[in-house]
Amino acid sequence: MILEDINFPYYDFLFKKYKNKLYIMDIIRNKYVICNKEEWVRQNLIHYMIKEKKCNIFAMKVEKTININNQLKKLDLIIYNDNRQVWLIAECKNNIKKIDEYVFYQIKSYNIQCKAKYILITNGLNHYCCKSNFLKNQYQFLKEIPFYNQ
């Protein structure tokens, strides 16, 4: 697999190859995971949030399971604030996947339960971050991803 160019700064990653598959070190789960196109986006997002947006690595969880209408769903990335409240949830898609209204519906449905202050969708090329307003059931698009605990 050729790692695609995506719209994040360059980061150094640890890789290994095993049985003709490429693995990347996930610093949140502290293990190597198969590096498919979506995982490549997620790992870049994780490093971006830590290095550029000053997120606390210990406040991040990957593939957290939540229950939505009696169906178990996995959040790609969840970040808690210092008070252990959900600060941001992110949905990562591969760089070929177009971000459409279905993807927004998906993360908004997750956020009904999570009540994150921010939602973030990325395919590695385009990043969309919104601030949640639960009282009005609205989302305000932001020009950039906020710094941690902002």
N, C-alpha and C. Protein backbone atom coordinates (compact mmCIF):
# COMPACT_ATOMS: atom_id res chain seq x y z
N MET A 1 0.84 -1.19 0.00
CA MET A 1 0.00 0.00 0.00
C MET A 1 0.88 1.24 0.00
N ILE A 2 0.57 2.15 -0.86
CA ILE A 2 1.27 3.43 -0.90
C ILE A 2 0.49 4.39 -0.02
N LEU A 3 1.20 5.03 0.91
CA LEU A 3 0.54 5.98 1.80
C LEU A 3 0.24 7.25 1.01
N GLU A 4 -1.00 7.59 1.00
CA GLU A 4 -1.48 8.73 0.21
C GLU A 4 -1.06 10.05 0.84
N ASP A 5 -0.86 11.04 -0.01
CA ASP A 5 -0.65 12.40 0.49
C ASP A 5 -1.97 12.90 1.05
N ILE A 6 -1.88 13.49 2.20
CA ILE A 6 -3.07 14.05 2.81
C ILE A 6 -2.74 15.44 3.35
N ASN A 7 -3.75 16.14 3.78
CA ASN A 7 -3.62 17.54 4.18
C ASN A 7 -3.35 17.67 5.68
N PHE A 8 -2.22 17.15 6.10
CA PHE A 8 -1.73 17.29 7.46
C PHE A 8 -0.24 17.57 7.37
N PRO A 9 0.35 18.18 8.39
CA PRO A 9 1.81 18.32 8.41
C PRO A 9 2.46 16.94 8.40
N TYR A 10 3.74 16.90 8.09
CA TYR A 10 4.47 15.64 8.08
C TYR A 10 4.77 15.21 9.51
N TYR A 11 4.52 13.95 9.83
CA TYR A 11 4.86 13.38 11.13
C TYR A 11 5.64 12.10 10.91
N ASP A 12 6.53 11.80 11.85
CA ASP A 12 7.24 10.53 11.83
C ASP A 12 6.38 9.47 12.49
N PHE A 13 6.22 8.37 11.82
CA PHE A 13 5.46 7.25 12.34
C PHE A 13 6.34 6.02 12.41
N LEU A 14 5.99 5.12 13.29
CA LEU A 14 6.65 3.82 13.34
C LEU A 14 5.81 2.83 12.53
N PHE A 15 6.48 2.12 11.64
CA PHE A 15 5.81 1.14 10.80
C PHE A 15 6.48 -0.21 10.96
N LYS A 16 5.74 -1.25 10.66
CA LYS A 16 6.35 -2.57 10.51
C LYS A 16 5.52 -3.33 9.48
N LYS A 17 6.18 -4.27 8.86
CA LYS A 17 5.51 -5.10 7.87
C LYS A 17 5.47 -6.52 8.40
N TYR A 18 4.30 -7.13 8.29
CA TYR A 18 4.12 -8.49 8.79
C TYR A 18 3.17 -9.21 7.85
N LYS A 19 3.60 -10.34 7.32
CA LYS A 19 2.80 -11.13 6.38
C LYS A 19 2.24 -10.27 5.25
N ASN A 20 3.10 -9.48 4.66
CA ASN A 20 2.78 -8.60 3.52
C ASN A 20 1.74 -7.52 3.84
N LYS A 21 1.56 -7.21 5.11
CA LYS A 21 0.67 -6.12 5.50
C LYS A 21 1.47 -5.07 6.23
N LEU A 22 1.11 -3.82 5.99
CA LEU A 22 1.78 -2.70 6.65
C LEU A 22 1.02 -2.34 7.93
N TYR A 23 1.76 -2.20 9.02
CA TYR A 23 1.19 -1.81 10.31
C TYR A 23 1.79 -0.48 10.73
N ILE A 24 0.99 0.30 11.44
CA ILE A 24 1.43 1.59 11.96
C ILE A 24 1.21 1.61 13.47
N MET A 25 2.14 2.23 14.18
CA MET A 25 2.00 2.31 15.64
C MET A 25 0.95 3.35 16.01
N ASP A 26 -0.04 2.89 16.75
CA ASP A 26 -1.07 3.78 17.29
C ASP A 26 -0.62 4.15 18.70
N ILE A 27 -0.24 5.40 18.88
CA ILE A 27 0.30 5.83 20.18
C ILE A 27 -0.77 5.93 21.25
N ILE A 28 -2.03 5.94 20.88
CA ILE A 28 -3.12 5.97 21.86
C ILE A 28 -3.35 4.56 22.40
N ARG A 29 -3.47 3.59 21.52
CA ARG A 29 -3.69 2.20 21.93
C ARG A 29 -2.38 1.49 22.27
N ASN A 30 -1.26 2.13 21.95
CA ASN A 30 0.07 1.59 22.22
C ASN A 30 0.26 0.21 21.60
N LYS A 31 -0.12 0.13 20.32
CA LYS A 31 0.08 -1.12 19.58
C LYS A 31 0.07 -0.82 18.09
N TYR A 32 0.63 -1.75 17.33
CA TYR A 32 0.59 -1.65 15.88
C TYR A 32 -0.77 -2.09 15.37
N VAL A 33 -1.30 -1.33 14.42
CA VAL A 33 -2.58 -1.65 13.79
C VAL A 33 -2.39 -1.64 12.28
N ILE A 34 -3.22 -2.37 11.58
CA ILE A 34 -3.11 -2.40 10.12
C ILE A 34 -3.31 -0.99 9.58
N CYS A 35 -2.42 -0.60 8.70
CA CYS A 35 -2.44 0.76 8.15
C CYS A 35 -3.21 0.78 6.83
N ASN A 36 -4.53 0.79 6.92
CA ASN A 36 -5.34 0.99 5.71
C ASN A 36 -5.52 2.50 5.50
N LYS A 37 -6.23 2.87 4.48
CA LYS A 37 -6.35 4.31 4.15
C LYS A 37 -7.05 5.11 5.24
N GLU A 38 -8.07 4.54 5.85
CA GLU A 38 -8.77 5.25 6.93
C GLU A 38 -7.89 5.36 8.17
N GLU A 39 -7.16 4.31 8.48
CA GLU A 39 -6.26 4.35 9.64
C GLU A 39 -5.16 5.37 9.43
N TRP A 40 -4.68 5.50 8.20
CA TRP A 40 -3.66 6.49 7.87
C TRP A 40 -4.17 7.90 8.17
N VAL A 41 -5.42 8.16 7.84
CA VAL A 41 -6.03 9.46 8.14
C VAL A 41 -6.15 9.64 9.65
N ARG A 42 -6.64 8.61 10.35
CA ARG A 42 -6.82 8.71 11.79
C ARG A 42 -5.50 8.97 12.51
N GLN A 43 -4.46 8.23 12.13
CA GLN A 43 -3.17 8.41 12.81
C GLN A 43 -2.59 9.80 12.56
N ASN A 44 -2.79 10.34 11.38
CA ASN A 44 -2.36 11.71 11.13
C ASN A 44 -3.17 12.70 11.95
N LEU A 45 -4.47 12.46 12.06
CA LEU A 45 -5.31 13.34 12.87
C LEU A 45 -4.87 13.29 14.33
N ILE A 46 -4.59 12.12 14.86
CA ILE A 46 -4.14 11.99 16.25
C ILE A 46 -2.88 12.81 16.47
N HIS A 47 -1.91 12.66 15.61
CA HIS A 47 -0.65 13.41 15.76
C HIS A 47 -0.89 14.92 15.60
N TYR A 48 -1.76 15.29 14.68
CA TYR A 48 -2.09 16.71 14.50
C TYR A 48 -2.72 17.28 15.77
N MET A 49 -3.66 16.56 16.35
CA MET A 49 -4.33 17.06 17.55
C MET A 49 -3.36 17.18 18.72
N ILE A 50 -2.42 16.26 18.83
CA ILE A 50 -1.45 16.32 19.92
C ILE A 50 -0.42 17.41 19.68
N LYS A 51 0.16 17.42 18.50
CA LYS A 51 1.30 18.32 18.24
C LYS A 51 0.88 19.74 17.90
N GLU A 52 -0.20 19.90 17.15
CA GLU A 52 -0.59 21.23 16.69
C GLU A 52 -1.67 21.87 17.59
N LYS A 53 -2.58 21.05 18.08
CA LYS A 53 -3.71 21.58 18.86
C LYS A 53 -3.55 21.34 20.36
N LYS A 54 -2.40 20.77 20.74
CA LYS A 54 -1.98 20.63 22.14
C LYS A 54 -2.91 19.75 22.98
N CYS A 55 -3.48 18.73 22.35
CA CYS A 55 -4.33 17.79 23.09
C CYS A 55 -3.50 16.92 24.01
N ASN A 56 -4.08 16.60 25.12
CA ASN A 56 -3.47 15.69 26.07
C ASN A 56 -3.66 14.27 25.54
N ILE A 57 -2.57 13.56 25.32
CA ILE A 57 -2.64 12.21 24.77
C ILE A 57 -3.48 11.29 25.65
N PHE A 58 -3.49 11.54 26.96
CA PHE A 58 -4.23 10.69 27.88
C PHE A 58 -5.73 11.02 27.88
N ALA A 59 -6.12 12.08 27.20
CA ALA A 59 -7.53 12.45 27.10
C ALA A 59 -8.17 11.88 25.84
N MET A 60 -7.40 11.11 25.06
CA MET A 60 -7.87 10.60 23.78
C MET A 60 -8.17 9.11 23.85
N LYS A 61 -9.23 8.71 23.18
CA LYS A 61 -9.60 7.30 23.04
C LYS A 61 -9.90 7.03 21.57
N VAL A 62 -9.49 5.85 21.12
CA VAL A 62 -9.70 5.43 19.75
C VAL A 62 -10.68 4.26 19.75
N GLU A 63 -11.61 4.30 18.79
CA GLU A 63 -12.61 3.25 18.63
C GLU A 63 -13.39 2.97 19.91
N LYS A 64 -13.83 4.02 20.54
CA LYS A 64 -14.67 3.89 21.74
C LYS A 64 -16.06 3.43 21.30
N THR A 65 -16.56 2.40 21.92
CA THR A 65 -17.87 1.85 21.59
C THR A 65 -18.97 2.63 22.31
N ILE A 66 -19.98 3.01 21.55
CA ILE A 66 -21.16 3.66 22.11
C ILE A 66 -22.40 2.94 21.58
N ASN A 67 -23.51 3.11 22.28
CA ASN A 67 -24.76 2.46 21.89
C ASN A 67 -25.69 3.51 21.30
N ILE A 68 -26.01 3.35 20.02
CA ILE A 68 -26.93 4.25 19.34
C ILE A 68 -28.13 3.42 18.88
N ASN A 69 -29.28 3.69 19.46
CA ASN A 69 -30.52 2.96 19.11
C ASN A 69 -30.31 1.44 19.14
N ASN A 70 -29.72 0.99 20.21
CA ASN A 70 -29.45 -0.44 20.43
C ASN A 70 -28.50 -1.05 19.40
N GLN A 71 -27.69 -0.22 18.78
CA GLN A 71 -26.64 -0.69 17.88
C GLN A 71 -25.30 -0.17 18.40
N LEU A 72 -24.34 -1.07 18.47
CA LEU A 72 -23.01 -0.66 18.93
C LEU A 72 -22.26 -0.02 17.77
N LYS A 73 -21.76 1.18 18.02
CA LYS A 73 -20.98 1.94 17.03
C LYS A 73 -19.64 2.28 17.65
N LYS A 74 -18.64 2.45 16.80
CA LYS A 74 -17.31 2.81 17.29
C LYS A 74 -16.95 4.20 16.82
N LEU A 75 -16.62 5.04 17.79
CA LEU A 75 -16.13 6.38 17.47
C LEU A 75 -14.68 6.28 17.02
N ASP A 76 -14.35 6.92 15.93
CA ASP A 76 -12.96 6.88 15.45
C ASP A 76 -12.02 7.52 16.45
N LEU A 77 -12.42 8.65 16.99
CA LEU A 77 -11.59 9.35 17.98
C LEU A 77 -12.50 10.17 18.88
N ILE A 78 -12.25 10.07 20.16
CA ILE A 78 -12.97 10.88 21.14
C ILE A 78 -11.92 11.53 22.03
N ILE A 79 -12.13 12.81 22.32
CA ILE A 79 -11.20 13.56 23.17
C ILE A 79 -12.00 14.18 24.30
N TYR A 80 -11.54 13.94 25.51
CA TYR A 80 -12.19 14.47 26.71
C TYR A 80 -11.48 15.74 27.16
N ASN A 81 -12.20 16.63 27.84
CA ASN A 81 -11.57 17.81 28.41
C ASN A 81 -11.00 17.45 29.79
N ASP A 82 -10.46 18.43 30.47
CA ASP A 82 -9.84 18.19 31.78
C ASP A 82 -10.84 17.72 32.83
N ASN A 83 -12.14 17.98 32.60
CA ASN A 83 -13.18 17.55 33.53
C ASN A 83 -13.79 16.20 33.14
N ARG A 84 -13.16 15.51 32.18
CA ARG A 84 -13.60 14.20 31.68
C ARG A 84 -14.95 14.26 30.97
N GLN A 85 -15.29 15.45 30.46
CA GLN A 85 -16.46 15.58 29.60
C GLN A 85 -15.98 15.48 28.16
N VAL A 86 -16.86 15.03 27.28
CA VAL A 86 -16.48 14.89 25.87
C VAL A 86 -16.28 16.26 25.26
N TRP A 87 -15.08 16.51 24.80
CA TRP A 87 -14.74 17.79 24.18
C TRP A 87 -14.91 17.74 22.67
N LEU A 88 -14.47 16.63 22.04
CA LEU A 88 -14.53 16.52 20.59
C LEU A 88 -14.68 15.05 20.21
N ILE A 89 -15.51 14.81 19.18
CA ILE A 89 -15.54 13.49 18.55
C ILE A 89 -15.19 13.68 17.08
N ALA A 90 -14.48 12.69 16.53
CA ALA A 90 -14.05 12.78 15.14
C ALA A 90 -14.42 11.53 14.38
N GLU A 91 -14.80 11.73 13.15
CA GLU A 91 -15.07 10.64 12.22
C GLU A 91 -14.07 10.76 11.08
N CYS A 92 -13.32 9.68 10.87
CA CYS A 92 -12.28 9.66 9.83
C CYS A 92 -12.74 8.77 8.69
N LYS A 93 -12.56 9.26 7.50
CA LYS A 93 -12.84 8.51 6.28
C LYS A 93 -11.56 8.44 5.46
N ASN A 94 -11.50 7.48 4.55
CA ASN A 94 -10.31 7.43 3.70
C ASN A 94 -10.33 8.59 2.72
N ASN A 95 -9.18 8.85 2.12
CA ASN A 95 -9.05 10.05 1.29
C ASN A 95 -9.82 9.96 -0.03
N ILE A 96 -10.37 8.81 -0.33
CA ILE A 96 -11.18 8.66 -1.55
C ILE A 96 -12.64 8.96 -1.24
N LYS A 97 -13.03 8.77 0.01
CA LYS A 97 -14.43 8.94 0.42
C LYS A 97 -14.81 10.41 0.41
N LYS A 98 -15.87 10.71 -0.29
CA LYS A 98 -16.40 12.07 -0.31
C LYS A 98 -17.15 12.31 1.00
N ILE A 99 -16.92 13.46 1.58
CA ILE A 99 -17.66 13.82 2.79
C ILE A 99 -18.98 14.43 2.36
N ASP A 100 -20.05 13.73 2.68
CA ASP A 100 -21.38 14.17 2.25
C ASP A 100 -22.31 14.28 3.45
N GLU A 101 -23.57 14.52 3.18
CA GLU A 101 -24.54 14.72 4.27
C GLU A 101 -24.71 13.46 5.11
N TYR A 102 -24.51 12.28 4.52
CA TYR A 102 -24.62 11.05 5.29
C TYR A 102 -23.56 11.00 6.39
N VAL A 103 -22.34 11.42 6.07
CA VAL A 103 -21.26 11.42 7.06
C VAL A 103 -21.58 12.41 8.18
N PHE A 104 -22.14 13.56 7.83
CA PHE A 104 -22.56 14.52 8.86
C PHE A 104 -23.68 13.93 9.71
N TYR A 105 -24.63 13.25 9.08
CA TYR A 105 -25.71 12.63 9.83
C TYR A 105 -25.14 11.59 10.80
N GLN A 106 -24.17 10.81 10.31
CA GLN A 106 -23.55 9.78 11.14
C GLN A 106 -22.95 10.37 12.41
N ILE A 107 -22.11 11.39 12.28
CA ILE A 107 -21.45 11.94 13.46
C ILE A 107 -22.44 12.71 14.34
N LYS A 108 -23.43 13.36 13.73
CA LYS A 108 -24.44 14.04 14.54
C LYS A 108 -25.25 13.05 15.36
N SER A 109 -25.52 11.87 14.80
CA SER A 109 -26.25 10.85 15.57
C SER A 109 -25.39 10.34 16.72
N TYR A 110 -24.08 10.23 16.52
CA TYR A 110 -23.19 9.85 17.61
C TYR A 110 -23.19 10.93 18.70
N ASN A 111 -23.27 12.16 18.26
CA ASN A 111 -23.17 13.25 19.22
C ASN A 111 -24.43 13.45 20.05
N ILE A 112 -25.53 12.87 19.65
CA ILE A 112 -26.73 12.91 20.48
C ILE A 112 -26.42 12.28 21.83
N GLN A 113 -25.66 11.20 21.81
CA GLN A 113 -25.28 10.55 23.06
C GLN A 113 -24.04 11.18 23.69
N CYS A 114 -23.06 11.52 22.87
CA CYS A 114 -21.77 12.00 23.41
C CYS A 114 -21.84 13.43 23.94
N LYS A 115 -22.61 14.26 23.29
CA LYS A 115 -22.73 15.68 23.65
C LYS A 115 -21.37 16.39 23.66
N ALA A 116 -20.61 16.15 22.60
CA ALA A 116 -19.31 16.79 22.45
C ALA A 116 -19.49 18.27 22.12
N LYS A 117 -18.58 19.06 22.60
CA LYS A 117 -18.59 20.49 22.28
C LYS A 117 -18.31 20.69 20.79
N TYR A 118 -17.45 19.82 20.22
CA TYR A 118 -17.07 19.92 18.82
C TYR A 118 -17.21 18.57 18.13
N ILE A 119 -17.58 18.61 16.86
CA ILE A 119 -17.51 17.43 16.02
C ILE A 119 -16.56 17.73 14.87
N LEU A 120 -15.87 16.70 14.43
CA LEU A 120 -14.87 16.86 13.39
C LEU A 120 -14.99 15.69 12.42
N ILE A 121 -15.00 16.02 11.13
CA ILE A 121 -15.00 15.01 10.08
C ILE A 121 -13.81 15.30 9.17
N THR A 122 -13.06 14.25 8.85
CA THR A 122 -11.94 14.42 7.93
C THR A 122 -11.79 13.20 7.04
N ASN A 123 -11.38 13.45 5.81
CA ASN A 123 -10.96 12.37 4.92
C ASN A 123 -9.46 12.52 4.62
N GLY A 124 -8.80 13.32 5.42
CA GLY A 124 -7.38 13.55 5.23
C GLY A 124 -7.09 14.71 4.31
N LEU A 125 -8.00 14.99 3.42
CA LEU A 125 -7.83 16.11 2.50
C LEU A 125 -8.66 17.31 2.94
N ASN A 126 -9.89 17.04 3.35
CA ASN A 126 -10.80 18.08 3.81
C ASN A 126 -11.17 17.80 5.26
N HIS A 127 -11.15 18.86 6.06
CA HIS A 127 -11.46 18.75 7.47
C HIS A 127 -12.62 19.71 7.76
N TYR A 128 -13.66 19.20 8.40
CA TYR A 128 -14.81 20.03 8.78
C TYR A 128 -15.01 19.91 10.28
N CYS A 129 -14.96 21.05 10.94
CA CYS A 129 -15.15 21.08 12.38
C CYS A 129 -16.32 22.00 12.69
N CYS A 130 -17.18 21.54 13.57
CA CYS A 130 -18.36 22.31 13.96
C CYS A 130 -18.44 22.40 15.47
N LYS A 131 -18.95 23.54 15.93
CA LYS A 131 -19.25 23.71 17.35
C LYS A 131 -20.72 23.36 17.55
N SER A 132 -20.99 22.57 18.57
CA SER A 132 -22.35 22.10 18.85
C SER A 132 -23.12 23.11 19.68
N ASN A 133 -24.39 23.30 19.34
CA ASN A 133 -25.31 24.07 20.15
C ASN A 133 -26.52 23.18 20.42
N PHE A 134 -26.51 22.52 21.59
CA PHE A 134 -27.55 21.54 21.89
C PHE A 134 -28.90 22.19 22.15
N LEU A 135 -28.90 23.40 22.68
CA LEU A 135 -30.18 24.06 22.97
C LEU A 135 -30.96 24.33 21.69
N LYS A 136 -30.27 24.71 20.63
CA LYS A 136 -30.92 25.02 19.35
C LYS A 136 -30.81 23.88 18.34
N ASN A 137 -30.16 22.78 18.75
CA ASN A 137 -29.94 21.65 17.85
C ASN A 137 -29.28 22.11 16.55
N GLN A 138 -28.20 22.88 16.70
CA GLN A 138 -27.50 23.44 15.55
C GLN A 138 -26.00 23.19 15.67
N TYR A 139 -25.35 23.28 14.51
CA TYR A 139 -23.89 23.15 14.44
C TYR A 139 -23.35 24.32 13.64
N GLN A 140 -22.36 24.96 14.20
CA GLN A 140 -21.73 26.11 13.55
C GLN A 140 -20.37 25.67 12.99
N PHE A 141 -20.21 25.80 11.68
CA PHE A 141 -18.94 25.45 11.05
C PHE A 141 -17.86 26.43 11.47
N LEU A 142 -16.70 25.90 11.77
CA LEU A 142 -15.56 26.71 12.19
C LEU A 142 -14.53 26.77 11.07
N LYS A 143 -13.76 27.85 11.05
CA LYS A 143 -12.72 27.99 10.02
C LYS A 143 -11.54 27.07 10.29
N GLU A 144 -11.32 26.73 11.55
CA GLU A 144 -10.23 25.83 11.88
C GLU A 144 -10.58 25.02 13.12
N ILE A 145 -9.83 23.98 13.34
CA ILE A 145 -10.02 23.13 14.50
C ILE A 145 -9.50 23.88 15.73
N PRO A 146 -10.28 23.96 16.79
CA PRO A 146 -9.83 24.72 17.98
C PRO A 146 -8.70 24.02 18.72
N PHE A 147 -8.00 24.80 19.52
CA PHE A 147 -6.99 24.23 20.40
C PHE A 147 -7.69 23.50 21.54
N TYR A 148 -6.99 22.53 22.10
CA TYR A 148 -7.54 21.69 23.15
C TYR A 148 -8.08 22.53 24.30
N ASN A 149 -9.25 22.14 24.78
CA ASN A 149 -9.98 22.79 25.88
C ASN A 149 -10.36 24.23 25.61
N GLN A 150 -10.36 24.63 24.37
CA GLN A 150 -10.76 25.99 24.01
C GLN A 150 -12.27 26.09 24.02
